[in-house]
Amino acid sequence: MTTTRSALTDADIRTLVKGATADERALAARKLCASMSREPLSDEDRELAADILRVMAGDATEMVRKAIVETLRASPVVPRDVATRLARDVESICLPMLAFSPAFTDADLAEIVRLGGPVRQIAIAKRPTLSRAVTESLADFGAERAVAVACANPGADFSEDALQQVVDRFEASERVLAAMAYRKFLPLSVSERLVKLVSDNVRDHLVSQHGVSAEIALEVATGAAERATVDLVDQAGRAADVKSLVGHLHAERRLTASLLLRALAHGHMTFFEWGVAELAGVPHHRTWLMIHDAGPLGLRAIYERAGLPARLFPAFRAAVDTFHSMEFDGGPRDRERFQERMLQRFLTQPATVSREDVDYLLDRMDRAANDARALAQSA
């Protein structure tokens, strides 16, 4: 080997093969590996280097085999057969190779994930890039920690099916689900499932970073109280597809009078407009006119057409009147001022609503007052 032999003597190579002591062979191995990592290799040199590395990989002394991973773990000089042999070695040798060596094929790595234990799986999950073949194997066979590491790896390419498989297997694992939620990109179908399973903080991240579709909003609301749906609307802001949201809620029989009233308590007039339009089967622009610009009877007419209960009409009337009386100047507390005034007017109405609704609105008023005090104290 031209470049290697220029740095090492024939005696060094003989020492590697037939050295009397392990220390002698380890020293020769390190010198050879260091030379391989420094010098450009011709095709002939590369073949000779591969033969030398095969000798090292077969040495009974761990120090000799370790010389390869300490200097050549990320080098293309190491041939595939040597890399796969070292992948079956003790952890101090196999883990650096599994984490960095370019010698492995995707099929090699997928097979090691399938047959290896969690420690080897974690090493593979940390590789700078992971193909879909490897992430699919991790999704199917990976231990919890290995899957969490892969999900947190920005270089791991997951298919939608693989992510769904991960959720299927680890729906109770906060570690795995959080790692998945913080990925830069997520398919909508995966986000929809995650929002029902993760903690509040992680859910907030999903909502803010992965977009809020009508489907996601509906899934968050499924199985929870109606106020959770309104809280999600608050959380997501008004950039959500309100038309689609109310359509899905209506299809699921969740677009109720109580939900609309609670939405108004938050100041979500647009949500109310689209909700009434959906229930009444009237286009939004006509519903908007009847709510806002058709005289005192317009709201009642569209309200009745929507099939909403007569006993709640005074509360809705108070909310709409409050909305019309407010002057929204784009200031930082527009919505807070609306909520405060709407809640005050609501609570002065005759006792025609349920105690649950009253308690909820009182809670909202208390929260608004506390927020105002906190804001004043921080000013």
Foldseek 3Di string as FASTA:
>chain_A
DVQLCVQPPPVLLVCLQDNPDPVSNLVSLLSSLQSVLPDDDDPVRLVVSQVSLVSQLPDPDVSSLLSCLVRPLQPPSHALVSLLSQCPPDCSRNLSNLQHYPRDDLVSLLVCLQPPDQSSLLSNLNHLAHEQSNLLSCLVRHDPVSLLSNLLRQRYDHDLVSLVSNCVVPLPPQSNLLSNLPHQAHDPVSLLSSCCRYDPVSNLSNLARHHDELSSLVSNPPPHDLVSSLVSCVSNDDPYPLLVNLVVCVVVVNLAPLSLLVNLLQVNVVNNLSNLCVLLVHDSVQSCCLLQPDPPCSPVVSCVSSVHDPLCVVLVVLSSVLVVPDDCPVDPCRSLVSSLSSLVSNVPDPPSDDPVSNVVSVVVNVVSVVVVVVVVVVD
